PDB file of N, CA and C in Angstrom:
ATOM      1  N   UNK A   1     207.954 166.626 120.052  1.00  0.00           N
ATOM      2  CA  UNK A   1     208.675 165.467 120.537  1.00  0.00           C
ATOM      3  C   UNK A   1     210.067 165.456 119.902  1.00  0.00           C
ATOM      4  N   UNK A   2     211.080 165.377 120.738  1.00  0.00           N
ATOM      5  CA  UNK A   2     212.447 165.339 120.235  1.00  0.00           C
ATOM      6  C   UNK A   2     212.773 163.931 119.768  1.00  0.00           C
ATOM      7  N   UNK A   3     213.387 163.851 118.584  1.00  0.00           N
ATOM      8  CA  UNK A   3     213.723 162.547 118.026  1.00  0.00           C
ATOM      9  C   UNK A   3     215.195 162.260 118.246  1.00  0.00           C
ATOM     10  N   UNK A   4     215.479 160.989 118.476  1.00  0.00           N
ATOM     11  CA  UNK A   4     216.863 160.574 118.661  1.00  0.00           C
ATOM     12  C   UNK A   4     217.422 160.044 117.358  1.00  0.00           C
ATOM     13  N   UNK A   5     218.728 160.150 117.222  1.00  0.00           N
ATOM     14  CA  UNK A   5     219.412 159.589 116.065  1.00  0.00           C
ATOM     15  C   UNK A   5     219.531 158.087 116.285  1.00  0.00           C
ATOM     16  N   UNK A   6     219.172 157.329 115.281  1.00  0.00           N
ATOM     17  CA  UNK A   6     219.274 155.874 115.362  1.00  0.00           C
ATOM     18  C   UNK A   6     220.714 155.441 115.147  1.00  0.00           C
ATOM     19  N   UNK A   7     221.017 154.255 115.618  1.00  0.00           N
ATOM     20  CA  UNK A   7     222.342 153.688 115.429  1.00  0.00           C
ATOM     21  C   UNK A   7     222.664 153.647 113.939  1.00  0.00           C
ATOM     22  N   UNK A   8     223.811 154.170 113.560  1.00  0.00           N
ATOM     23  CA  UNK A   8     224.225 154.161 112.163  1.00  0.00           C
ATOM     24  C   UNK A   8     223.834 155.402 111.395  1.00  0.00           C
ATOM     25  N   UNK A   9     222.992 156.255 111.983  1.00  0.00           N
ATOM     26  CA  UNK A   9     222.598 157.494 111.311  1.00  0.00           C
ATOM     27  C   UNK A   9     223.503 158.624 111.776  1.00  0.00           C
ATOM     28  N   UNK A  10     223.775 159.544 110.884  1.00  0.00           N
ATOM     29  CA  UNK A  10     224.569 160.707 111.233  1.00  0.00           C
ATOM     30  C   UNK A  10     223.762 161.954 110.940  1.00  0.00           C
ATOM     31  N   UNK A  11     224.115 163.033 111.604  1.00  0.00           N
ATOM     32  CA  UNK A  11     223.422 164.289 111.380  1.00  0.00           C
ATOM     33  C   UNK A  11     222.076 164.328 112.082  1.00  0.00           C
ATOM     34  N   UNK A  12     221.280 165.313 111.678  1.00  0.00           N
ATOM     35  CA  UNK A  12     219.965 165.494 112.276  1.00  0.00           C
ATOM     36  C   UNK A  12     219.045 164.337 111.887  1.00  0.00           C
ATOM     37  N   UNK A  13     218.173 163.918 112.802  1.00  0.00           N
ATOM     38  CA  UNK A  13     217.252 162.833 112.454  1.00  0.00           C
ATOM     39  C   UNK A  13     216.315 163.247 111.327  1.00  0.00           C
ATOM     40  N   UNK A  14     216.024 162.347 110.405  1.00  0.00           N
ATOM     41  CA  UNK A  14     215.080 162.682 109.342  1.00  0.00           C
ATOM     42  C   UNK A  14     213.670 162.806 109.907  1.00  0.00           C
ATOM     43  N   UNK A  15     212.800 163.482 109.192  1.00  0.00           N
ATOM     44  CA  UNK A  15     211.411 163.596 109.594  1.00  0.00           C
ATOM     45  C   UNK A  15     210.790 162.206 109.602  1.00  0.00           C
ATOM     46  N   UNK A  16     210.174 161.853 110.692  1.00  0.00           N
ATOM     47  CA  UNK A  16     209.534 160.543 110.794  1.00  0.00           C
ATOM     48  C   UNK A  16     208.037 160.739 110.955  1.00  0.00           C
ATOM     49  N   UNK A  17     207.272 160.033 110.122  1.00  0.00           N
ATOM     50  CA  UNK A  17     205.824 160.137 110.225  1.00  0.00           C
ATOM     51  C   UNK A  17     205.346 159.253 111.366  1.00  0.00           C
ATOM     52  N   UNK A  18     204.130 159.483 111.770  1.00  0.00           N
ATOM     53  CA  UNK A  18     203.558 158.679 112.835  1.00  0.00           C
ATOM     54  C   UNK A  18     203.464 157.237 112.368  1.00  0.00           C
ATOM     55  N   UNK A  19     204.009 156.321 113.139  1.00  0.00           N
ATOM     56  CA  UNK A  19     204.025 154.920 112.732  1.00  0.00           C
ATOM     57  C   UNK A  19     202.747 154.189 113.090  1.00  0.00           C
ATOM     58  N   UNK A  20     201.867 154.807 113.867  1.00  0.00           N
ATOM     59  CA  UNK A  20     200.633 154.153 114.280  1.00  0.00           C
ATOM     60  C   UNK A  20     199.473 154.623 113.417  1.00  0.00           C
ATOM     61  N   UNK A  21     198.625 153.674 113.003  1.00  0.00           N
ATOM     62  CA  UNK A  21     197.471 154.039 112.193  1.00  0.00           C
ATOM     63  C   UNK A  21     196.323 153.081 112.471  1.00  0.00           C
ATOM     64  N   UNK A  22     195.132 153.562 112.162  1.00  0.00           N
ATOM     65  CA  UNK A  22     193.932 152.772 112.388  1.00  0.00           C
ATOM     66  C   UNK A  22     193.338 152.378 111.044  1.00  0.00           C
ATOM     67  N   UNK A  23     192.912 151.114 110.967  1.00  0.00           N
ATOM     68  CA  UNK A  23     192.323 150.601 109.736  1.00  0.00           C
ATOM     69  C   UNK A  23     191.283 149.543 110.119  1.00  0.00           C
ATOM     70  N   UNK A  24     190.057 149.717 109.623  1.00  0.00           N
ATOM     71  CA  UNK A  24     189.007 148.744 109.896  1.00  0.00           C
ATOM     72  C   UNK A  24     188.685 148.581 111.375  1.00  0.00           C
ATOM     73  N   UNK A  25     188.852 149.651 112.150  1.00  0.00           N
ATOM     74  CA  UNK A  25     188.546 149.604 113.569  1.00  0.00           C
ATOM     75  C   UNK A  25     189.658 149.051 114.444  1.00  0.00           C
ATOM     76  N   UNK A  26     190.788 148.689 113.850  1.00  0.00           N
ATOM     77  CA  UNK A  26     191.924 148.157 114.606  1.00  0.00           C
ATOM     78  C   UNK A  26     193.142 149.051 114.406  1.00  0.00           C
ATOM     79  N   UNK A  27     194.095 148.930 115.326  1.00  0.00           N
ATOM     80  CA  UNK A  27     195.320 149.710 115.278  1.00  0.00           C
ATOM     81  C   UNK A  27     196.490 148.847 114.806  1.00  0.00           C
ATOM     82  N   UNK A  28     197.394 149.476 114.081  1.00  0.00           N
ATOM     83  CA  UNK A  28     198.588 148.836 113.538  1.00  0.00           C
ATOM     84  C   UNK A  28     199.765 149.776 113.729  1.00  0.00           C
ATOM     85  N   UNK A  29     200.966 149.242 113.570  1.00  0.00           N
ATOM     86  CA  UNK A  29     202.148 150.105 113.484  1.00  0.00           C
ATOM     87  C   UNK A  29     202.980 149.667 112.295  1.00  0.00           C
ATOM     88  N   UNK A  30     203.719 150.618 111.770  1.00  0.00           N
ATOM     89  CA  UNK A  30     204.544 150.431 110.580  1.00  0.00           C
ATOM     90  C   UNK A  30     206.002 150.368 111.013  1.00  0.00           C
ATOM     91  N   UNK A  31     206.729 149.322 110.596  1.00  0.00           N
ATOM     92  CA  UNK A  31     208.139 149.199 110.950  1.00  0.00           C
ATOM     93  C   UNK A  31     209.012 149.947 109.942  1.00  0.00           C
ATOM     94  N   UNK A  32     210.231 150.221 110.316  1.00  0.00           N
ATOM     95  CA  UNK A  32     211.155 150.896 109.400  1.00  0.00           C
ATOM     96  C   UNK A  32     211.518 149.997 108.225  1.00  0.00           C
ATOM     97  N   UNK A  33     211.273 148.691 108.363  1.00  0.00           N
ATOM     98  CA  UNK A  33     211.523 147.760 107.272  1.00  0.00           C
ATOM     99  C   UNK A  33     210.369 147.730 106.270  1.00  0.00           C
ATOM    100  N   UNK A  34     209.298 148.449 106.574  1.00  0.00           N
ATOM    101  CA  UNK A  34     208.178 148.554 105.650  1.00  0.00           C
ATOM    102  C   UNK A  34     207.076 147.538 105.866  1.00  0.00           C
ATOM    103  N   UNK A  35     206.993 146.963 107.065  1.00  0.00           N
ATOM    104  CA  UNK A  35     205.973 145.958 107.364  1.00  0.00           C
ATOM    105  C   UNK A  35     204.981 146.541 108.366  1.00  0.00           C
ATOM    106  N   UNK A  36     203.688 146.344 108.106  1.00  0.00           N
ATOM    107  CA  UNK A  36     202.647 146.770 109.040  1.00  0.00           C
ATOM    108  C   UNK A  36     202.328 145.612 109.970  1.00  0.00           C
ATOM    109  N   UNK A  37     202.322 145.890 111.281  1.00  0.00           N
ATOM    110  CA  UNK A  37     202.088 144.846 112.274  1.00  0.00           C
ATOM    111  C   UNK A  37     200.838 145.189 113.079  1.00  0.00           C
ATOM    112  N   UNK A  38     199.967 144.199 113.216  1.00  0.00           N
ATOM    113  CA  UNK A  38     198.722 144.347 113.951  1.00  0.00           C
ATOM    114  C   UNK A  38     197.841 143.179 113.592  1.00  0.00           C
ATOM    115  N   UNK A  39     196.615 143.160 113.927  1.00  0.00           N
ATOM    116  CA  UNK A  39     195.840 144.263 114.519  1.00  0.00           C
ATOM    117  C   UNK A  39     195.912 144.269 116.044  1.00  0.00           C
ATOM    118  N   UNK A  40     195.689 145.445 116.603  1.00  0.00           N
ATOM    119  CA  UNK A  40     195.574 145.655 118.037  1.00  0.00           C
ATOM    120  C   UNK A  40     194.229 146.316 118.296  1.00  0.00           C
ATOM    121  N   UNK A  41     193.652 146.056 119.455  1.00  0.00           N
ATOM    122  CA  UNK A  41     192.336 146.604 119.772  1.00  0.00           C
ATOM    123  C   UNK A  41     192.356 148.108 120.029  1.00  0.00           C
ATOM    124  N   UNK A  42     193.483 148.627 120.520  1.00  0.00           N
ATOM    125  CA  UNK A  42     193.565 150.070 120.793  1.00  0.00           C
ATOM    126  C   UNK A  42     194.987 150.552 120.525  1.00  0.00           C
ATOM    127  N   UNK A  43     195.146 151.864 120.447  1.00  0.00           N
ATOM    128  CA  UNK A  43     196.454 152.446 120.154  1.00  0.00           C
ATOM    129  C   UNK A  43     197.467 152.102 121.246  1.00  0.00           C
ATOM    130  N   UNK A  44     197.027 152.116 122.505  1.00  0.00           N
ATOM    131  CA  UNK A  44     197.948 151.781 123.596  1.00  0.00           C
ATOM    132  C   UNK A  44     198.537 150.384 123.413  1.00  0.00           C
ATOM    133  N   UNK A  45     197.701 149.438 122.998  1.00  0.00           N
ATOM    134  CA  UNK A  45     198.198 148.079 122.753  1.00  0.00           C
ATOM    135  C   UNK A  45     199.184 148.057 121.591  1.00  0.00           C
ATOM    136  N   UNK A  46     198.913 148.843 120.549  1.00  0.00           N
ATOM    137  CA  UNK A  46     199.831 148.927 119.408  1.00  0.00           C
ATOM    138  C   UNK A  46     201.161 149.539 119.836  1.00  0.00           C
ATOM    139  N   UNK A  47     201.117 150.564 120.689  1.00  0.00           N
ATOM    140  CA  UNK A  47     202.347 151.187 121.167  1.00  0.00           C
ATOM    141  C   UNK A  47     203.158 150.210 122.017  1.00  0.00           C
ATOM    142  N   UNK A  48     202.461 149.450 122.868  1.00  0.00           N
ATOM    143  CA  UNK A  48     203.161 148.434 123.670  1.00  0.00           C
ATOM    144  C   UNK A  48     203.788 147.373 122.779  1.00  0.00           C
ATOM    145  N   UNK A  49     203.033 146.922 121.771  1.00  0.00           N
ATOM    146  CA  UNK A  49     203.551 145.933 120.838  1.00  0.00           C
ATOM    147  C   UNK A  49     204.758 146.441 120.075  1.00  0.00           C
ATOM    148  N   UNK A  50     204.708 147.695 119.697  1.00  0.00           N
ATOM    149  CA  UNK A  50     205.819 148.313 118.964  1.00  0.00           C
ATOM    150  C   UNK A  50     207.075 148.366 119.836  1.00  0.00           C
ATOM    151  N   UNK A  51     206.896 148.748 121.105  1.00  0.00           N
ATOM    152  CA  UNK A  51     208.041 148.817 122.014  1.00  0.00           C
ATOM    153  C   UNK A  51     208.651 147.427 122.199  1.00  0.00           C
ATOM    154  N   UNK A  52     207.814 146.424 122.370  1.00  0.00           N
ATOM    155  CA  UNK A  52     208.321 145.060 122.518  1.00  0.00           C
ATOM    156  C   UNK A  52     209.043 144.596 121.252  1.00  0.00           C
ATOM    157  N   UNK A  53     208.497 144.962 120.100  1.00  0.00           N
ATOM    158  CA  UNK A  53     209.125 144.606 118.828  1.00  0.00           C
ATOM    159  C   UNK A  53     210.512 145.249 118.712  1.00  0.00           C
ATOM    160  N   UNK A  54     210.594 146.547 119.037  1.00  0.00           N
ATOM    161  CA  UNK A  54     211.877 147.246 118.947  1.00  0.00           C
ATOM    162  C   UNK A  54     212.901 146.644 119.904  1.00  0.00           C
ATOM    163  N   UNK A  55     212.475 146.311 121.109  1.00  0.00           N
ATOM    164  CA  UNK A  55     213.393 145.688 122.066  1.00  0.00           C
ATOM    165  C   UNK A  55     213.892 144.341 121.547  1.00  0.00           C
ATOM    166  N   UNK A  56     213.001 143.576 120.945  1.00  0.00           N
ATOM    167  CA  UNK A  56     213.371 142.277 120.397  1.00  0.00           C
ATOM    168  C   UNK A  56     214.386 142.422 119.269  1.00  0.00           C
ATOM    169  N   UNK A  57     214.070 143.297 118.311  1.00  0.00           N
ATOM    170  CA  UNK A  57     214.941 143.461 117.146  1.00  0.00           C
ATOM    171  C   UNK A  57     216.289 144.058 117.540  1.00  0.00           C
ATOM    172  N   UNK A  58     216.273 145.074 118.379  1.00  0.00           N
ATOM    173  CA  UNK A  58     217.522 145.758 118.736  1.00  0.00           C
ATOM    174  C   UNK A  58     218.357 144.983 119.749  1.00  0.00           C
ATOM    175  N   UNK A  59     217.688 144.294 120.667  1.00  0.00           N
ATOM    176  CA  UNK A  59     218.432 143.656 121.740  1.00  0.00           C
ATOM    177  C   UNK A  59     218.743 142.206 121.547  1.00  0.00           C
ATOM    178  N   UNK A  60     217.768 141.445 121.118  1.00  0.00           N
ATOM    179  CA  UNK A  60     217.946 140.005 121.104  1.00  0.00           C
ATOM    180  C   UNK A  60     218.221 139.427 119.730  1.00  0.00           C
ATOM    181  N   UNK A  61     217.701 140.048 118.699  1.00  0.00           N
ATOM    182  CA  UNK A  61     217.820 139.440 117.370  1.00  0.00           C
ATOM    183  C   UNK A  61     217.929 140.493 116.278  1.00  0.00           C
ATOM    184  N   UNK A  62     219.040 141.216 116.229  1.00  0.00           N
ATOM    185  CA  UNK A  62     219.161 142.248 115.193  1.00  0.00           C
ATOM    186  C   UNK A  62     219.080 141.702 113.775  1.00  0.00           C
ATOM    187  N   UNK A  63     219.417 140.436 113.557  1.00  0.00           N
ATOM    188  CA  UNK A  63     219.331 139.858 112.209  1.00  0.00           C
ATOM    189  C   UNK A  63     217.873 139.686 111.767  1.00  0.00           C
ATOM    190  N   UNK A  64     216.939 139.768 112.700  1.00  0.00           N
ATOM    191  CA  UNK A  64     215.522 139.639 112.372  1.00  0.00           C
ATOM    192  C   UNK A  64     215.071 140.735 111.416  1.00  0.00           C
ATOM    193  N   UNK A  65     215.718 141.881 111.475  1.00  0.00           N
ATOM    194  CA  UNK A  65     215.409 142.981 110.573  1.00  0.00           C
ATOM    195  C   UNK A  65     215.544 142.550 109.115  1.00  0.00           C
ATOM    196  N   UNK A  66     216.573 141.773 108.825  1.00  0.00           N
ATOM    197  CA  UNK A  66     216.765 141.272 107.461  1.00  0.00           C
ATOM    198  C   UNK A  66     215.631 140.335 107.051  1.00  0.00           C
ATOM    199  N   UNK A  67     215.138 139.546 107.996  1.00  0.00           N
ATOM    200  CA  UNK A  67     214.015 138.651 107.712  1.00  0.00           C
ATOM    201  C   UNK A  67     212.792 139.464 107.313  1.00  0.00           C
ATOM    202  N   UNK A  68     212.546 140.569 108.009  1.00  0.00           N
ATOM    203  CA  UNK A  68     211.396 141.418 107.664  1.00  0.00           C
ATOM    204  C   UNK A  68     211.551 142.023 106.272  1.00  0.00           C
ATOM    205  N   UNK A  69     212.747 142.447 105.951  1.00  0.00           N
ATOM    206  CA  UNK A  69     212.982 143.007 104.619  1.00  0.00           C
ATOM    207  C   UNK A  69     212.705 141.945 103.564  1.00  0.00           C
ATOM    208  N   UNK A  70     213.166 140.728 103.783  1.00  0.00           N
ATOM    209  CA  UNK A  70     212.915 139.645 102.833  1.00  0.00           C
ATOM    210  C   UNK A  70     211.424 139.343 102.727  1.00  0.00           C
ATOM    211  N   UNK A  71     210.719 139.356 103.853  1.00  0.00           N
ATOM    212  CA  UNK A  71     209.265 139.138 103.849  1.00  0.00           C
ATOM    213  C   UNK A  71     208.577 140.193 102.992  1.00  0.00           C
ATOM    214  N   UNK A  72     209.028 141.416 103.155  1.00  0.00           N
ATOM    215  CA  UNK A  72     208.432 142.524 102.391  1.00  0.00           C
ATOM    216  C   UNK A  72     208.666 142.308 100.895  1.00  0.00           C
ATOM    217  N   UNK A  73     209.830 141.858 100.527  1.00  0.00           N
ATOM    218  CA  UNK A  73     210.157 141.624  99.117  1.00  0.00           C
ATOM    219  C   UNK A  73     209.303 140.459  98.567  1.00  0.00           C
ATOM    220  N   UNK A  74     209.220 139.378  99.327  1.00  0.00           N
ATOM    221  CA  UNK A  74     208.454 138.214  98.890  1.00  0.00           C
ATOM    222  C   UNK A  74     206.982 138.548  98.715  1.00  0.00           C
ATOM    223  N   UNK A  75     206.434 139.323  99.657  1.00  0.00           N
ATOM    224  CA  UNK A  75     205.021 139.678  99.620  1.00  0.00           C
ATOM    225  C   UNK A  75     204.729 140.777  98.602  1.00  0.00           C
ATOM    226  N   UNK A  76     205.763 141.376  98.042  1.00  0.00           N
ATOM    227  CA  UNK A  76     205.567 142.442  97.063  1.00  0.00           C
ATOM    228  C   UNK A  76     205.047 143.726  97.677  1.00  0.00           C
ATOM    229  N   UNK A  77     205.412 143.968  98.929  1.00  0.00           N
ATOM    230  CA  UNK A  77     204.960 145.185  99.619  1.00  0.00           C
ATOM    231  C   UNK A  77     205.783 146.375  99.232  1.00  0.00           C
TER     232      UNK A  77
END
């Protein structure tokens, strides 16, 4: 799978691990801000949720990314 360079990144894209994982019979995805989001009943649902999340953060509310970073800090993740 060819990876695209994200906005603000230069050069070749860094190696990205699979953001989807299963835990306790449910599926989750990991954000670049370090937050795990789920649970979803199946991987397809997690992938759909991830796409909706990315569209929301990138298109409608880019400042939301900072909120996630703060959440991660508060929760000690």
